[in-house]
N, C-alpha and C. Protein backbone atom coordinates (compact mmCIF):
# COMPACT_ATOMS: atom_id res chain seq x y z
N UNK A 1 5.52 0.46 -11.21
CA UNK A 1 4.74 1.03 -11.99
C UNK A 1 4.80 1.77 -13.03
N UNK A 2 4.08 1.56 -14.39
CA UNK A 2 4.54 2.10 -15.24
C UNK A 2 3.59 2.30 -15.92
N UNK A 3 2.96 3.97 -15.78
CA UNK A 3 1.78 4.64 -16.95
C UNK A 3 2.06 4.19 -17.92
N UNK A 4 0.84 4.44 -18.93
CA UNK A 4 1.20 4.86 -20.81
C UNK A 4 -0.51 5.80 -20.32
N UNK A 5 -0.41 6.33 -20.55
CA UNK A 5 -1.17 7.71 -21.11
C UNK A 5 -1.85 7.46 -21.58
N UNK A 6 -3.04 7.62 -22.06
CA UNK A 6 -3.88 7.73 -23.95
C UNK A 6 -3.97 9.60 -24.46
N UNK A 7 -4.67 8.85 -25.47
CA UNK A 7 -4.38 10.23 -26.05
C UNK A 7 -4.80 11.03 -25.67
N UNK A 8 -6.78 10.57 -25.21
CA UNK A 8 -6.94 11.61 -25.06
C UNK A 8 -7.33 11.93 -23.33
N UNK A 9 -5.45 12.27 -22.82
CA UNK A 9 -4.91 13.15 -21.56
C UNK A 9 -3.91 13.56 -22.38
N UNK A 10 -3.59 14.60 -21.87
CA UNK A 10 -2.69 15.17 -21.71
C UNK A 10 -1.22 15.33 -21.96
N UNK A 11 -0.31 15.47 -22.86
CA UNK A 11 1.20 14.59 -22.82
C UNK A 11 1.78 14.94 -21.22
N UNK A 12 0.90 16.53 -20.23
CA UNK A 12 1.22 16.79 -19.40
C UNK A 12 1.68 16.14 -18.12
N UNK A 13 0.63 15.07 -18.14
CA UNK A 13 0.89 13.87 -16.75
C UNK A 13 2.10 13.25 -17.34
N UNK A 14 2.50 12.94 -18.02
CA UNK A 14 4.02 12.30 -18.15
C UNK A 14 4.54 12.70 -17.00
N UNK A 15 5.28 14.70 -16.75
CA UNK A 15 5.91 15.04 -16.03
C UNK A 15 5.77 15.43 -14.47
N UNK A 16 3.73 15.01 -14.23
CA UNK A 16 3.46 15.00 -13.01
C UNK A 16 3.31 13.47 -12.31
N UNK A 17 3.42 12.69 -13.31
CA UNK A 17 3.75 11.35 -12.84
C UNK A 17 5.60 11.28 -12.22
N UNK A 18 6.07 12.17 -13.10
CA UNK A 18 7.67 11.88 -12.76
C UNK A 18 8.05 12.44 -11.68
N UNK A 19 6.83 13.41 -10.83
CA UNK A 19 7.69 14.41 -10.17
C UNK A 19 6.74 13.11 -8.95
N UNK A 20 6.19 12.41 -8.77
CA UNK A 20 5.84 11.36 -8.25
C UNK A 20 6.80 9.97 -8.45
N UNK A 21 7.78 10.05 -9.00
CA UNK A 21 8.35 9.01 -9.23
C UNK A 21 7.56 7.81 -9.65
N UNK A 22 6.70 7.95 -10.91
CA UNK A 22 6.03 7.23 -11.56
C UNK A 22 6.56 7.58 -12.64
N UNK A 23 7.51 5.80 -13.30
CA UNK A 23 7.24 6.14 -15.07
C UNK A 23 6.01 6.17 -15.13
N UNK A 24 6.08 7.27 -16.82
CA UNK A 24 5.00 7.02 -17.56
C UNK A 24 5.23 7.82 -18.93
N UNK A 25 4.04 7.15 -20.06
CA UNK A 25 5.14 7.62 -21.40
C UNK A 25 3.70 8.13 -21.34
N UNK A 26 3.29 8.51 -22.59
CA UNK A 26 2.26 9.26 -23.47
C UNK A 26 1.84 8.89 -25.10
N UNK A 27 0.54 7.96 -24.83
CA UNK A 27 1.16 7.26 -26.72
C UNK A 27 1.40 7.47 -27.52
N UNK A 28 1.61 9.38 -27.88
CA UNK A 28 1.69 10.36 -29.25
C UNK A 28 3.20 9.59 -29.39
N UNK A 29 4.30 9.25 -27.92
CA UNK A 29 5.15 10.16 -28.18
C UNK A 29 5.81 8.27 -28.60
N UNK A 30 5.17 7.41 -28.40
CA UNK A 30 5.10 5.96 -28.81
C UNK A 30 3.94 4.99 -30.14
N UNK A 31 3.44 5.21 -30.64
CA UNK A 31 2.46 4.64 -31.08
C UNK A 31 1.80 6.39 -32.53
N UNK A 32 1.04 5.32 -33.16
CA UNK A 32 0.39 5.94 -34.49
C UNK A 32 -0.45 6.35 -33.66
N UNK A 33 -0.99 8.00 -33.75
CA UNK A 33 -2.45 8.96 -32.84
C UNK A 33 -3.39 8.48 -33.24
N UNK A 34 -3.74 7.42 -34.25
CA UNK A 34 -5.03 7.29 -34.96
C UNK A 34 -5.21 5.26 -34.76
N UNK A 35 -4.43 4.69 -33.72
CA UNK A 35 -4.39 4.07 -33.51
C UNK A 35 -5.88 3.43 -32.70
N UNK A 36 -6.09 2.03 -32.73
CA UNK A 36 -7.72 1.23 -32.27
C UNK A 36 -6.71 1.11 -30.48
N UNK A 37 -7.85 0.84 -29.69
CA UNK A 37 -7.58 1.14 -28.34
C UNK A 37 -7.05 -0.39 -28.15
N UNK A 38 -7.20 -1.39 -28.89
CA UNK A 38 -7.08 -2.59 -28.98
C UNK A 38 -5.50 -2.24 -29.15
N UNK A 39 -4.93 -1.29 -30.13
CA UNK A 39 -3.12 -1.80 -30.47
C UNK A 39 -2.43 -1.42 -29.00
N UNK A 40 -3.79 -0.44 -28.89
CA UNK A 40 -3.16 0.18 -26.79
C UNK A 40 -2.58 -1.01 -26.42
N UNK A 41 -3.80 -1.41 -26.14
CA UNK A 41 -3.91 -1.99 -24.82
C UNK A 41 -3.04 -3.37 -24.61
N UNK A 42 -2.83 -3.78 -26.41
CA UNK A 42 -1.50 -4.90 -26.32
C UNK A 42 -0.72 -4.74 -26.33
N UNK A 43 0.21 -2.87 -26.40
CA UNK A 43 1.59 -2.41 -26.00
C UNK A 43 1.34 -2.36 -24.52
N UNK A 44 0.20 -2.16 -23.92
CA UNK A 44 0.66 -1.85 -22.69
C UNK A 44 0.67 -2.93 -21.41
N UNK A 45 0.23 -4.24 -22.40
CA UNK A 45 0.12 -5.75 -22.06
C UNK A 45 1.69 -6.10 -22.20
N UNK A 46 1.85 -6.23 -23.17
CA UNK A 46 3.73 -6.52 -22.98
C UNK A 46 4.26 -5.70 -22.96
N UNK A 47 4.49 -4.60 -22.63
CA UNK A 47 5.08 -3.48 -21.87
C UNK A 47 5.01 -3.70 -19.58
N UNK A 48 4.65 -4.14 -19.82
CA UNK A 48 3.39 -3.86 -18.40
C UNK A 48 3.41 -2.94 -18.08
N UNK A 49 2.43 -2.23 -18.63
CA UNK A 49 2.24 -0.83 -18.30
C UNK A 49 0.41 -0.91 -17.93
N UNK A 50 -0.08 0.10 -16.76
CA UNK A 50 -1.19 0.46 -17.33
C UNK A 50 -1.59 1.50 -17.41
N UNK A 51 -2.80 1.47 -17.97
CA UNK A 51 -3.48 1.97 -19.04
C UNK A 51 -3.97 2.91 -18.44
N UNK A 52 -4.25 4.75 -18.23
CA UNK A 52 -4.33 5.93 -17.53
C UNK A 52 -5.06 6.86 -18.97
N UNK A 53 -6.62 6.49 -18.97
CA UNK A 53 -7.61 7.30 -20.26
C UNK A 53 -8.63 7.84 -19.96
N UNK A 54 -9.02 8.36 -20.46
CA UNK A 54 -10.32 9.24 -19.52
C UNK A 54 -11.67 8.40 -20.99
N UNK A 55 -11.05 7.72 -21.30
CA UNK A 55 -12.10 6.95 -22.70
C UNK A 55 -12.53 5.27 -22.14
N UNK A 56 -13.97 5.47 -22.01
CA UNK A 56 -14.69 4.46 -21.52
C UNK A 56 -14.91 2.48 -22.07
N UNK A 57 -14.41 3.04 -23.04
CA UNK A 57 -14.01 1.93 -24.08
C UNK A 57 -13.15 0.62 -23.49
N UNK A 58 -12.54 0.79 -23.39
CA UNK A 58 -11.01 0.35 -22.10
C UNK A 58 -11.31 -0.53 -21.88
N UNK A 59 -12.60 -0.06 -20.89
CA UNK A 59 -12.98 -0.65 -19.32
C UNK A 59 -13.69 -1.52 -20.04
N UNK A 60 -15.41 -0.78 -21.49
CA UNK A 60 -15.57 -2.41 -21.92
C UNK A 60 -14.87 -3.94 -22.56
N UNK A 61 -13.41 -3.27 -22.91
CA UNK A 61 -13.22 -4.45 -23.65
C UNK A 61 -12.02 -5.42 -22.68
N UNK A 62 -11.79 -4.55 -21.40
CA UNK A 62 -11.58 -5.30 -20.72
C UNK A 62 -12.41 -6.17 -20.26
N UNK A 63 -13.91 -5.82 -20.07
CA UNK A 63 -15.34 -6.89 -19.93
C UNK A 63 -15.89 -7.94 -21.05
N UNK A 64 -15.06 -7.44 -22.04
CA UNK A 64 -15.32 -8.52 -23.36
C UNK A 64 -14.94 -9.43 -23.16
N UNK A 65 -13.76 -9.01 -23.27
CA UNK A 65 -12.36 -10.35 -23.82
C UNK A 65 -11.85 -10.98 -21.91
N UNK A 66 -12.37 -10.34 -21.61
CA UNK A 66 -11.85 -11.11 -19.83
C UNK A 66 -10.45 -10.79 -19.65
N UNK A 67 -10.09 -9.94 -20.11
CA UNK A 67 -8.28 -10.24 -20.33
C UNK A 67 -8.04 -9.91 -18.48
N UNK A 68 -7.03 -10.19 -18.15
CA UNK A 68 -6.67 -10.45 -16.55
C UNK A 68 -5.06 -8.71 -16.86
N UNK A 69 -5.34 -9.08 -18.28
CA UNK A 69 -3.93 -7.13 -18.15
C UNK A 69 -4.63 -6.55 -19.12
N UNK A 70 -3.94 -5.13 -19.62
CA UNK A 70 -3.58 -4.79 -18.84
C UNK A 70 -4.23 -4.03 -17.81
N UNK A 71 -3.84 -2.97 -16.25
CA UNK A 71 -4.75 -2.74 -16.30
C UNK A 71 -4.97 -1.17 -16.74
N UNK A 72 -6.23 -0.85 -15.77
CA UNK A 72 -6.77 0.45 -16.75
C UNK A 72 -7.06 1.33 -14.97
N UNK A 73 -7.33 2.85 -15.55
CA UNK A 73 -7.47 3.57 -14.76
C UNK A 73 -8.22 5.03 -15.54
N UNK A 74 -10.00 4.48 -15.57
CA UNK A 74 -9.71 5.53 -15.92
C UNK A 74 -10.84 6.59 -15.24
N UNK A 75 -10.25 7.74 -16.29
CA UNK A 75 -10.87 8.98 -15.35
C UNK A 75 -12.02 9.10 -16.00
N UNK A 76 -13.00 9.82 -15.53
CA UNK A 76 -15.13 9.71 -15.53
C UNK A 76 -15.06 11.02 -14.65
N UNK A 77 -14.05 12.42 -15.36
CA UNK A 77 -14.96 13.96 -14.71
C UNK A 77 -14.58 14.62 -16.37
N UNK A 78 -15.46 15.68 -16.20
CA UNK A 78 -15.35 16.08 -17.52
C UNK A 78 -14.19 17.50 -17.35
N UNK A 79 -13.36 17.38 -16.75
CA UNK A 79 -12.24 18.40 -16.37
C UNK A 79 -11.51 17.36 -15.43
N UNK A 80 -10.16 17.09 -16.99
CA UNK A 80 -9.16 15.92 -17.18
C UNK A 80 -7.97 16.91 -16.87
N UNK A 81 -7.84 18.52 -16.51
CA UNK A 81 -6.89 18.74 -16.38
C UNK A 81 -5.86 17.79 -14.90
N UNK A 82 -4.28 18.50 -15.24
CA UNK A 82 -3.16 17.77 -14.35
C UNK A 82 -3.93 18.34 -13.11
N UNK A 83 -3.76 19.45 -13.21
CA UNK A 83 -4.27 20.71 -12.24
C UNK A 83 -5.23 20.05 -11.22
N UNK A 84 -6.81 19.51 -12.34
CA UNK A 84 -8.12 19.44 -11.08
C UNK A 84 -7.63 18.09 -10.50
N UNK A 85 -6.66 17.12 -11.57
CA UNK A 85 -6.47 15.60 -10.86
C UNK A 85 -6.08 14.70 -9.79
N UNK A 86 -4.91 15.55 -9.78
CA UNK A 86 -3.83 15.13 -9.64
C UNK A 86 -2.78 15.00 -8.10
N UNK A 87 -4.15 15.28 -7.66
CA UNK A 87 -4.11 14.81 -6.24
C UNK A 87 -4.67 13.47 -6.23
N UNK A 88 -5.59 13.55 -6.70
CA UNK A 88 -6.95 12.43 -6.75
C UNK A 88 -5.99 11.24 -7.62
N UNK A 89 -5.43 11.09 -8.54
CA UNK A 89 -5.09 10.47 -9.20
C UNK A 89 -3.53 9.79 -8.16
N UNK A 90 -2.76 9.91 -7.99
CA UNK A 90 -1.73 9.92 -7.82
C UNK A 90 -2.30 9.64 -6.09
N UNK A 91 -3.00 9.94 -5.50
CA UNK A 91 -3.21 9.19 -3.80
C UNK A 91 -3.78 7.75 -3.97
N UNK A 92 -4.98 7.02 -5.74
CA UNK A 92 -5.19 6.14 -6.03
C UNK A 92 -4.54 5.44 -6.40
N UNK A 93 -3.50 6.07 -7.24
CA UNK A 93 -2.35 5.02 -6.92
C UNK A 93 -1.35 4.60 -6.46
N UNK A 94 -1.07 4.97 -5.29
CA UNK A 94 -0.72 5.02 -3.91
C UNK A 94 -1.81 3.86 -3.23
N UNK A 95 -2.86 4.10 -3.33
CA UNK A 95 -3.89 3.20 -2.67
C UNK A 95 -3.68 1.99 -3.06
N UNK A 96 -4.02 1.35 -4.24
CA UNK A 96 -4.12 0.74 -5.04
C UNK A 96 -2.75 -0.25 -5.91
N UNK A 97 -2.06 0.46 -5.89
CA UNK A 97 -0.89 0.18 -6.20
C UNK A 97 -0.81 -1.42 -6.32
N UNK A 98 -0.75 -2.83 -5.58
CA UNK A 98 -0.28 -4.07 -5.53
C UNK A 98 -1.46 -4.81 -6.26
N UNK A 99 -3.05 -3.93 -5.88
CA UNK A 99 -4.00 -4.55 -7.13
C UNK A 99 -4.18 -3.60 -8.56
N UNK A 100 -3.22 -3.10 -8.40
CA UNK A 100 -2.55 -2.27 -9.96
C UNK A 100 -2.26 -3.20 -10.58
N UNK A 101 -0.56 -3.28 -9.83
CA UNK A 101 -0.16 -4.34 -10.36
C UNK A 101 -0.56 -5.75 -11.12
N UNK A 102 -1.19 -6.47 -10.17
CA UNK A 102 -2.42 -7.66 -10.61
C UNK A 102 -2.78 -7.70 -11.61
N UNK A 103 -3.30 -6.22 -12.15
CA UNK A 103 -4.41 -6.32 -12.71
C UNK A 103 -5.09 -6.30 -12.31
N UNK A 104 -6.44 -4.93 -12.51
CA UNK A 104 -7.79 -4.10 -11.82
C UNK A 104 -7.92 -3.10 -13.53
N UNK A 105 -9.34 -3.11 -13.48
CA UNK A 105 -9.58 -1.44 -13.86
C UNK A 105 -10.45 -0.60 -12.24
N UNK A 106 -9.28 0.44 -12.43
CA UNK A 106 -10.00 1.94 -11.22
C UNK A 106 -10.90 2.71 -12.38
N UNK A 107 -11.96 3.66 -12.12
CA UNK A 107 -13.16 3.90 -11.83
C UNK A 107 -12.39 5.03 -11.23
N UNK A 108 -12.35 6.49 -11.44
CA UNK A 108 -12.02 7.56 -10.54
C UNK A 108 -13.19 8.79 -11.42
N UNK A 109 -13.78 9.08 -10.05
CA UNK A 109 -14.77 9.72 -11.23
C UNK A 109 -14.96 11.02 -9.59
N UNK A 110 -15.64 12.06 -10.03
CA UNK A 110 -15.69 13.61 -8.71
C UNK A 110 -15.56 13.22 -7.19
N UNK A 111 -16.69 12.22 -7.59
CA UNK A 111 -17.29 11.80 -5.93
C UNK A 111 -16.71 9.66 -4.88
N UNK A 112 -16.16 9.19 -6.08
CA UNK A 112 -15.70 8.22 -5.60
C UNK A 112 -14.62 7.41 -6.71
N UNK A 113 -14.45 6.64 -6.01
CA UNK A 113 -12.88 5.09 -6.59
C UNK A 113 -13.73 4.11 -6.24
N UNK A 114 -13.70 3.27 -8.06
CA UNK A 114 -14.27 2.11 -8.08
C UNK A 114 -13.01 1.34 -8.54
N UNK A 115 -12.72 -0.38 -7.60
CA UNK A 115 -11.84 -1.10 -8.36
C UNK A 115 -12.56 -2.24 -8.52
N UNK A 116 -11.45 -2.77 -9.84
CA UNK A 116 -12.86 -4.34 -10.42
C UNK A 116 -11.25 -4.91 -10.58
N UNK A 117 -11.43 -6.82 -9.81
CA UNK A 117 -10.08 -7.26 -9.89
C UNK A 117 -9.71 -7.80 -11.59
N UNK A 118 -9.01 -7.77 -12.15
CA UNK A 118 -9.52 -8.30 -13.37
C UNK A 118 -9.24 -9.65 -13.35
N UNK A 119 -9.60 -10.88 -14.50
CA UNK A 119 -10.86 -10.42 -15.36
C UNK A 119 -12.50 -10.02 -14.98
N UNK A 120 -13.50 -8.54 -15.69
CA UNK A 120 -14.29 -8.66 -15.42
C UNK A 120 -15.54 -10.15 -15.61
């Protein structure tokens, strides 16, 4: 499993994922920081990555395009720090690995987790 971390989340996530043997890269290391979401999604699809974001537009793009990939993990909390979210994110990745590898939208907030199989 490979994770592509969107610009709206800290590059500190790269290290956190590495601690859990998950390969991850922050978009700022590989692409234009001002790139539109469609470019980020296209890169993730071509490189078999799951997009990890705090941006609601990725879910909308999946729905509008009826795409089957890339999977997206969308965090819907105000506090998106690694220390606050790590346990929830890592346990969700472990729980939903199979679905995320096939194509899914996973929405995480403080109270619940929702997963939808792609295409939406």
